[in-house]
Amino acid sequence: MGKKPAQRSKRTVPRRKQRAPTIAEVIEGHGTVAQFARDLSRITGEEVSWARVNAWKLRNNIPKAMVLHVHRLTGIPLSELL
């Protein structure tokens, strides 16, 4: 008896992961930087300036202490914000 032919592995192509939105996209979806800052101030109970939010936009990074508040404001899943 001969050898069995080699079986091909059944590789599946992984689904392309949807990219997380940039901070600029999050802010633009909400309005202006100033409006986003005002709404965050309302939610957090502390003053959040537009300059602070603009710095996040430039760095494309939300501080960990603010991620939950941004999630509550925008509805974007926490996994995408982290």
Protein backbone atom coordinates (compact mmCIF):
# COMPACT_ATOMS: atom_id res chain seq x y z
CA MET A 1 0.00 0.00 0.00
CA GLY A 2 1.16 3.53 -0.77
CA LYS A 3 1.31 6.64 1.28
CA LYS A 4 -1.76 8.71 1.89
CA PRO A 5 -1.74 12.06 0.16
CA ALA A 6 -0.96 14.95 2.47
CA GLN A 7 -4.04 16.77 3.62
CA ARG A 8 -4.21 20.47 3.34
CA SER A 9 -4.78 22.30 6.56
CA LYS A 10 -8.05 24.10 6.76
CA ARG A 11 -6.87 27.58 7.50
CA THR A 12 -9.47 30.21 7.89
CA VAL A 13 -8.78 33.76 7.03
CA PRO A 14 -9.09 35.79 10.22
CA ARG A 15 -11.73 38.46 10.16
CA ARG A 16 -10.34 41.89 9.80
CA LYS A 17 -10.54 43.60 13.12
CA GLN A 18 -12.47 46.82 13.05
CA ARG A 19 -10.15 49.62 14.04
CA ALA A 20 -10.89 51.72 17.06
CA PRO A 21 -11.90 55.29 16.35
CA THR A 22 -9.29 57.97 16.83
CA ILE A 23 -9.88 60.57 19.52
CA ALA A 24 -10.40 63.16 16.78
CA GLU A 25 -13.19 61.01 15.30
CA VAL A 26 -14.78 60.59 18.71
CA ILE A 27 -14.78 64.34 19.29
CA GLU A 28 -15.98 65.18 15.76
CA GLY A 29 -18.83 62.72 16.16
CA HIS A 30 -19.90 64.60 19.27
CA GLY A 31 -19.41 68.15 18.00
CA THR A 32 -16.64 70.59 18.72
CA VAL A 33 -13.76 70.18 21.15
CA ALA A 34 -15.32 72.84 23.38
CA GLN A 35 -18.72 71.13 23.40
CA PHE A 36 -17.09 67.78 24.17
CA ALA A 37 -15.22 69.40 27.08
CA ARG A 38 -18.40 71.04 28.42
CA ASP A 39 -20.29 67.75 28.30
CA LEU A 40 -17.43 65.93 30.03
CA SER A 41 -17.41 68.63 32.72
CA ARG A 42 -21.11 68.04 33.28
CA ILE A 43 -20.66 64.27 33.58
CA THR A 44 -17.53 64.29 35.74
CA GLY A 45 -18.44 67.15 38.04
CA GLU A 46 -15.01 68.72 37.49
CA GLU A 47 -13.99 71.35 35.00
CA VAL A 48 -12.56 69.87 31.81
CA SER A 49 -11.15 72.58 29.55
CA TRP A 50 -11.15 72.51 25.79
CA ALA A 51 -7.34 72.77 25.89
CA ARG A 52 -7.16 69.56 27.93
CA VAL A 53 -9.39 67.73 25.47
CA ASN A 54 -7.43 69.18 22.54
CA ALA A 55 -4.21 67.79 24.08
CA TRP A 56 -5.83 64.32 24.13
CA LYS A 57 -6.75 64.81 20.49
CA LEU A 58 -3.18 65.76 19.55
CA ARG A 59 -1.70 62.79 21.45
CA ASN A 60 -4.55 60.49 20.31
CA ASN A 61 -4.77 59.23 23.87
CA ILE A 62 -7.43 59.53 26.57
CA PRO A 63 -6.12 59.44 30.15
CA LYS A 64 -7.20 56.29 31.96
CA ALA A 65 -8.99 58.32 34.61
CA MET A 66 -11.28 59.76 31.91
CA VAL A 67 -11.97 56.66 29.81
CA LEU A 68 -15.08 55.66 31.75
CA HIS A 69 -16.50 59.18 31.49
CA VAL A 70 -15.84 59.33 27.74
CA HIS A 71 -17.54 55.94 27.40
CA ARG A 72 -20.58 57.20 29.29
CA LEU A 73 -20.70 60.34 27.16
CA THR A 74 -20.21 58.74 23.74
CA GLY A 75 -21.42 55.16 24.16
CA ILE A 76 -18.25 53.83 22.55
CA PRO A 77 -17.28 50.45 24.09
CA LEU A 78 -14.54 50.59 26.70
CA SER A 79 -12.51 48.03 24.77
CA GLU A 80 -12.22 50.46 21.86
CA LEU A 81 -11.22 53.38 24.07
CA LEU A 82 -8.42 51.57 25.87
